[in-house]
N, C-alpha and C. Protein backbone atom coordinates (compact mmCIF):
# COMPACT_ATOMS: atom_id res chain seq x y z
N MET A 1 0.84 -1.18 0.00
CA MET A 1 0.00 0.00 0.00
C MET A 1 0.88 1.25 0.00
N SER A 2 0.52 2.23 -0.82
CA SER A 2 1.31 3.45 -0.89
C SER A 2 0.99 4.35 0.30
N ASP A 3 2.01 5.08 0.73
CA ASP A 3 1.84 5.93 1.89
C ASP A 3 2.87 7.05 1.83
N VAL A 4 2.41 8.30 1.91
CA VAL A 4 3.35 9.42 1.86
C VAL A 4 4.31 9.41 3.04
N LYS A 5 3.98 8.70 4.10
CA LYS A 5 4.89 8.62 5.25
C LYS A 5 6.20 7.92 4.89
N ASN A 6 6.19 7.17 3.78
CA ASN A 6 7.42 6.52 3.31
C ASN A 6 8.38 7.53 2.68
N ILE A 7 7.89 8.71 2.38
CA ILE A 7 8.73 9.73 1.74
C ILE A 7 9.43 10.53 2.83
N THR A 8 10.71 10.23 2.98
CA THR A 8 11.56 10.92 3.95
C THR A 8 12.82 11.37 3.22
N LYS A 9 13.56 12.26 3.85
CA LYS A 9 14.83 12.67 3.26
C LYS A 9 15.75 11.47 3.07
N GLN A 10 15.73 10.56 4.05
CA GLN A 10 16.59 9.38 3.97
C GLN A 10 16.16 8.47 2.82
N ALA A 11 14.87 8.31 2.65
CA ALA A 11 14.37 7.45 1.56
C ALA A 11 14.75 8.03 0.20
N LEU A 12 14.61 9.34 0.05
CA LEU A 12 14.94 9.96 -1.23
C LEU A 12 16.45 10.00 -1.47
N ALA A 13 17.23 10.05 -0.40
CA ALA A 13 18.69 10.11 -0.53
C ALA A 13 19.27 8.84 -1.16
N GLN A 14 18.53 7.74 -1.13
CA GLN A 14 19.03 6.50 -1.71
C GLN A 14 19.04 6.54 -3.24
N PHE A 15 18.38 7.54 -3.82
CA PHE A 15 18.29 7.63 -5.27
C PHE A 15 19.32 8.61 -5.82
N TYR A 16 20.29 8.08 -6.50
CA TYR A 16 21.30 8.87 -7.20
C TYR A 16 21.59 8.11 -8.47
N GLY A 17 21.44 8.77 -9.58
CA GLY A 17 21.43 8.05 -10.85
C GLY A 17 20.15 7.22 -10.87
N SER A 18 19.96 6.43 -11.87
CA SER A 18 18.77 5.60 -11.94
C SER A 18 19.10 4.34 -12.73
N GLU A 19 18.69 3.21 -12.20
CA GLU A 19 18.95 1.95 -12.89
C GLU A 19 17.99 1.74 -14.05
N GLU A 20 16.77 2.28 -13.92
CA GLU A 20 15.77 2.10 -14.96
C GLU A 20 15.08 3.42 -15.25
N ILE A 21 14.57 3.50 -16.45
CA ILE A 21 13.69 4.61 -16.82
C ILE A 21 12.30 4.00 -16.94
N HIS A 22 11.34 4.63 -16.27
CA HIS A 22 9.96 4.15 -16.25
C HIS A 22 9.11 5.08 -17.09
N ARG A 23 7.99 4.58 -17.52
CA ARG A 23 7.06 5.39 -18.30
C ARG A 23 5.90 5.81 -17.40
N TYR A 24 5.59 7.10 -17.42
CA TYR A 24 4.43 7.64 -16.71
C TYR A 24 3.71 8.51 -17.73
N SER A 25 2.62 8.00 -18.24
CA SER A 25 1.89 8.67 -19.33
C SER A 25 2.88 8.90 -20.47
N VAL A 26 3.12 10.15 -20.84
CA VAL A 26 4.06 10.42 -21.92
C VAL A 26 5.44 10.84 -21.39
N LEU A 27 5.61 10.81 -20.08
CA LEU A 27 6.90 11.19 -19.48
C LEU A 27 7.75 9.96 -19.18
N ASN A 28 9.04 10.14 -19.29
CA ASN A 28 9.99 9.16 -18.79
C ASN A 28 10.39 9.63 -17.39
N ILE A 29 10.38 8.72 -16.44
CA ILE A 29 10.73 9.07 -15.06
C ILE A 29 11.78 8.09 -14.52
N THR A 30 12.52 8.55 -13.56
CA THR A 30 13.58 7.75 -12.95
C THR A 30 13.03 6.91 -11.80
N ASP A 31 13.90 6.10 -11.22
CA ASP A 31 13.52 5.27 -10.07
C ASP A 31 13.00 6.13 -8.90
N GLY A 32 13.66 7.25 -8.64
CA GLY A 32 13.26 8.11 -7.53
C GLY A 32 11.88 8.72 -7.74
N VAL A 33 11.60 9.16 -8.94
CA VAL A 33 10.28 9.74 -9.23
C VAL A 33 9.23 8.64 -9.22
N SER A 34 9.59 7.46 -9.68
CA SER A 34 8.68 6.33 -9.61
C SER A 34 8.33 6.01 -8.15
N PHE A 35 9.31 6.13 -7.25
CA PHE A 35 9.09 5.93 -5.82
C PHE A 35 8.07 6.94 -5.30
N LEU A 36 8.19 8.20 -5.72
CA LEU A 36 7.20 9.21 -5.32
C LEU A 36 5.81 8.79 -5.77
N CYS A 37 5.70 8.37 -7.02
CA CYS A 37 4.39 7.97 -7.57
C CYS A 37 3.79 6.80 -6.80
N LYS A 38 4.62 5.84 -6.47
CA LYS A 38 4.14 4.64 -5.78
C LYS A 38 3.77 4.92 -4.32
N ASN A 39 4.18 6.08 -3.83
CA ASN A 39 3.90 6.43 -2.43
C ASN A 39 3.00 7.65 -2.30
N GLY A 40 2.03 7.74 -3.18
CA GLY A 40 0.97 8.73 -3.05
C GLY A 40 1.26 10.11 -3.57
N CYS A 41 2.33 10.28 -4.32
CA CYS A 41 2.68 11.62 -4.80
C CYS A 41 2.75 11.73 -6.32
N ALA A 42 1.95 10.94 -7.00
CA ALA A 42 1.90 11.05 -8.46
C ALA A 42 1.39 12.42 -8.89
N TRP A 43 0.66 13.08 -8.01
CA TRP A 43 0.12 14.41 -8.34
C TRP A 43 1.22 15.40 -8.69
N ILE A 44 2.38 15.24 -8.08
CA ILE A 44 3.50 16.14 -8.40
C ILE A 44 3.92 15.93 -9.86
N VAL A 45 4.00 14.68 -10.26
CA VAL A 45 4.36 14.35 -11.64
C VAL A 45 3.26 14.82 -12.59
N ASP A 46 2.01 14.71 -12.16
CA ASP A 46 0.89 15.19 -12.99
C ASP A 46 1.01 16.68 -13.26
N ILE A 47 1.44 17.44 -12.26
CA ILE A 47 1.63 18.89 -12.46
C ILE A 47 2.68 19.14 -13.52
N VAL A 48 3.83 18.48 -13.40
CA VAL A 48 4.90 18.65 -14.39
C VAL A 48 4.38 18.26 -15.77
N LEU A 49 3.72 17.12 -15.84
CA LEU A 49 3.18 16.62 -17.11
C LEU A 49 2.21 17.62 -17.73
N SER A 50 1.34 18.20 -16.93
CA SER A 50 0.32 19.10 -17.47
C SER A 50 0.93 20.33 -18.15
N TYR A 51 2.07 20.78 -17.69
CA TYR A 51 2.70 21.96 -18.27
C TYR A 51 3.53 21.65 -19.51
N GLN A 52 3.82 20.38 -19.77
CA GLN A 52 4.64 20.05 -20.92
C GLN A 52 3.93 20.30 -22.25
N TYR A 53 2.64 20.57 -22.20
CA TYR A 53 1.89 20.88 -23.41
C TYR A 53 1.87 22.37 -23.71
N ASP A 54 2.39 23.17 -22.83
CA ASP A 54 2.47 24.62 -23.02
C ASP A 54 3.70 24.91 -23.90
N PRO A 55 3.52 25.56 -25.06
CA PRO A 55 4.65 25.80 -25.96
C PRO A 55 5.83 26.53 -25.31
N LYS A 56 5.57 27.48 -24.40
CA LYS A 56 6.70 28.19 -23.78
C LYS A 56 7.48 27.28 -22.83
N ILE A 57 6.82 26.27 -22.27
CA ILE A 57 7.50 25.32 -21.39
C ILE A 57 8.21 24.25 -22.22
N GLN A 58 7.57 23.81 -23.30
CA GLN A 58 8.16 22.79 -24.18
C GLN A 58 9.54 23.20 -24.69
N LYS A 59 9.73 24.49 -24.94
CA LYS A 59 11.01 24.93 -25.51
C LYS A 59 12.14 24.96 -24.48
N GLU A 60 11.81 24.80 -23.21
CA GLU A 60 12.83 24.81 -22.16
C GLU A 60 13.46 23.42 -22.07
N GLU A 61 14.72 23.32 -22.47
CA GLU A 61 15.40 22.03 -22.47
C GLU A 61 15.73 21.54 -21.06
N PHE A 62 15.90 22.47 -20.14
CA PHE A 62 16.20 22.11 -18.75
C PHE A 62 15.20 22.84 -17.87
N GLN A 63 14.48 22.10 -17.05
CA GLN A 63 13.46 22.66 -16.19
C GLN A 63 13.73 22.26 -14.74
N VAL A 64 13.62 23.21 -13.85
CA VAL A 64 13.76 22.95 -12.42
C VAL A 64 12.39 23.15 -11.78
N TRP A 65 11.85 22.07 -11.22
CA TRP A 65 10.53 22.09 -10.57
C TRP A 65 10.74 22.04 -9.07
N ASN A 66 10.23 23.03 -8.36
CA ASN A 66 10.37 23.11 -6.91
C ASN A 66 9.00 23.04 -6.25
N LEU A 67 8.88 22.17 -5.28
CA LEU A 67 7.71 22.13 -4.41
C LEU A 67 8.17 22.62 -3.05
N LYS A 68 7.51 23.66 -2.55
CA LYS A 68 7.78 24.14 -1.19
C LYS A 68 6.48 24.00 -0.41
N VAL A 69 6.60 23.42 0.79
CA VAL A 69 5.43 23.10 1.59
C VAL A 69 5.50 23.79 2.95
N ASP A 70 4.40 24.39 3.34
CA ASP A 70 4.23 24.89 4.70
C ASP A 70 3.58 23.73 5.45
N LEU A 71 4.37 23.01 6.22
CA LEU A 71 3.89 21.79 6.87
C LEU A 71 2.79 22.08 7.90
N GLU A 72 2.85 23.23 8.55
CA GLU A 72 1.82 23.57 9.54
C GLU A 72 0.47 23.85 8.90
N LYS A 73 0.48 24.52 7.76
CA LYS A 73 -0.77 24.86 7.06
C LYS A 73 -1.19 23.79 6.06
N ALA A 74 -0.31 22.83 5.77
CA ALA A 74 -0.56 21.78 4.76
C ALA A 74 -0.86 22.39 3.40
N GLU A 75 -0.12 23.46 3.07
CA GLU A 75 -0.24 24.13 1.78
C GLU A 75 1.11 24.11 1.09
N GLY A 76 1.07 24.26 -0.22
CA GLY A 76 2.33 24.28 -0.94
C GLY A 76 2.29 25.18 -2.15
N LYS A 77 3.44 25.29 -2.77
CA LYS A 77 3.57 26.04 -4.00
C LYS A 77 4.57 25.31 -4.89
N VAL A 78 4.21 25.16 -6.15
CA VAL A 78 5.11 24.58 -7.14
C VAL A 78 5.55 25.70 -8.07
N THR A 79 6.85 25.78 -8.30
CA THR A 79 7.38 26.71 -9.30
C THR A 79 8.26 25.93 -10.27
N MET A 80 8.36 26.46 -11.46
CA MET A 80 9.29 25.91 -12.45
C MET A 80 10.13 27.05 -12.98
N ASP A 81 11.44 26.83 -12.99
CA ASP A 81 12.31 27.83 -13.60
C ASP A 81 13.20 27.15 -14.64
N ASP A 82 13.89 27.97 -15.39
CA ASP A 82 14.69 27.50 -16.51
C ASP A 82 16.11 27.08 -16.11
N GLY A 83 16.37 26.98 -14.83
CA GLY A 83 17.71 26.62 -14.36
C GLY A 83 18.57 27.84 -14.09
N ASN A 84 18.10 28.99 -14.54
CA ASN A 84 18.81 30.25 -14.31
C ASN A 84 18.02 31.16 -13.38
N GLY A 85 17.02 30.60 -12.71
CA GLY A 85 16.23 31.36 -11.75
C GLY A 85 15.06 32.12 -12.35
N ASN A 86 14.85 32.02 -13.66
CA ASN A 86 13.73 32.69 -14.31
C ASN A 86 12.48 31.83 -14.16
N ILE A 87 11.57 32.24 -13.27
CA ILE A 87 10.38 31.44 -12.98
C ILE A 87 9.36 31.60 -14.10
N LEU A 88 8.95 30.46 -14.66
CA LEU A 88 7.99 30.44 -15.76
C LEU A 88 6.63 29.90 -15.33
N VAL A 89 6.58 29.17 -14.21
CA VAL A 89 5.33 28.58 -13.73
C VAL A 89 5.27 28.77 -12.22
N THR A 90 4.10 29.14 -11.74
CA THR A 90 3.82 29.14 -10.31
C THR A 90 2.42 28.57 -10.12
N GLN A 91 2.31 27.58 -9.27
CA GLN A 91 0.99 26.98 -9.00
C GLN A 91 0.85 26.77 -7.50
N GLU A 92 -0.19 27.35 -6.94
CA GLU A 92 -0.49 27.18 -5.52
C GLU A 92 -1.14 25.81 -5.31
N ILE A 93 -0.79 25.17 -4.21
CA ILE A 93 -1.37 23.89 -3.82
C ILE A 93 -2.13 24.14 -2.52
N PRO A 94 -3.47 24.22 -2.59
CA PRO A 94 -4.24 24.60 -1.40
C PRO A 94 -4.22 23.57 -0.27
N TYR A 95 -3.96 22.31 -0.61
CA TYR A 95 -3.82 21.28 0.41
C TYR A 95 -2.85 20.23 -0.08
N THR A 96 -1.96 19.83 0.81
CA THR A 96 -1.06 18.71 0.51
C THR A 96 -0.68 18.00 1.79
N ASP A 97 -0.55 16.69 1.68
CA ASP A 97 -0.03 15.91 2.81
C ASP A 97 1.43 15.52 2.56
N PHE A 98 2.07 16.17 1.59
CA PHE A 98 3.48 15.88 1.32
C PHE A 98 4.27 16.16 2.59
N PRO A 99 5.10 15.20 3.03
CA PRO A 99 5.70 15.29 4.37
C PRO A 99 7.00 16.09 4.49
N LEU A 100 7.53 16.59 3.38
CA LEU A 100 8.79 17.34 3.44
C LEU A 100 8.55 18.81 3.11
N LYS A 101 9.45 19.66 3.58
CA LYS A 101 9.32 21.10 3.32
C LYS A 101 9.63 21.45 1.87
N GLU A 102 10.44 20.61 1.22
CA GLU A 102 10.86 20.97 -0.13
C GLU A 102 11.19 19.71 -0.94
N LEU A 103 10.93 19.82 -2.21
CA LEU A 103 11.31 18.77 -3.17
C LEU A 103 11.72 19.47 -4.45
N LYS A 104 12.83 19.03 -5.02
CA LYS A 104 13.30 19.59 -6.28
C LYS A 104 13.40 18.47 -7.31
N LEU A 105 12.81 18.72 -8.46
CA LEU A 105 12.86 17.79 -9.58
C LEU A 105 13.48 18.50 -10.78
N TYR A 106 14.19 17.74 -11.60
CA TYR A 106 14.72 18.27 -12.86
C TYR A 106 14.06 17.53 -14.01
N TYR A 107 13.79 18.27 -15.07
CA TYR A 107 13.29 17.67 -16.30
C TYR A 107 14.27 18.06 -17.40
N SER A 108 14.95 17.06 -17.93
CA SER A 108 15.98 17.29 -18.95
C SER A 108 16.08 16.05 -19.83
N ASN A 109 16.32 16.29 -21.09
CA ASN A 109 16.45 15.17 -22.05
C ASN A 109 15.25 14.23 -21.97
N ASP A 110 14.07 14.81 -21.81
CA ASP A 110 12.81 14.06 -21.77
C ASP A 110 12.70 13.09 -20.59
N ILE A 111 13.43 13.38 -19.51
CA ILE A 111 13.38 12.53 -18.31
C ILE A 111 13.15 13.42 -17.09
N LEU A 112 12.17 13.04 -16.26
CA LEU A 112 11.91 13.71 -14.99
C LEU A 112 12.62 12.95 -13.90
N MET A 113 13.41 13.66 -13.08
CA MET A 113 14.24 13.00 -12.07
C MET A 113 14.31 13.82 -10.79
N LEU A 114 14.64 13.14 -9.70
CA LEU A 114 14.99 13.86 -8.48
C LEU A 114 16.28 14.62 -8.73
N SER A 115 16.49 15.71 -8.03
CA SER A 115 17.73 16.47 -8.24
C SER A 115 18.97 15.60 -7.95
N SER A 116 18.85 14.66 -7.03
CA SER A 116 19.98 13.78 -6.69
C SER A 116 20.28 12.76 -7.80
N GLU A 117 19.36 12.62 -8.74
CA GLU A 117 19.56 11.64 -9.82
C GLU A 117 20.14 12.30 -11.09
N TYR A 118 20.38 13.60 -11.02
CA TYR A 118 20.88 14.31 -12.20
C TYR A 118 22.34 14.00 -12.44
């Protein structure tokens, strides 16, 4: 059974590089991102996926996706920048049970990965 409580800094730290590339809809994802999906956080990948159809986002070869969470309020914000700090996407998350204050994902070469897997 999937459970966001399995998502800890220690659990995510085990992912560096990736042994396999998995398919999630039209995205290729790494082992670490697959772990997120299997533990109740596919919604984060869905957000990234939903923006890949936007022409201004499609042209960005390197994308940095940041989730920042206010754990006390159970609210979050997702931003995407071009790797140079230029924010192109901001999406408020009115409720989340994501257990960490922050998560960073990279999307490059048609693969979504944890920052530690880059």
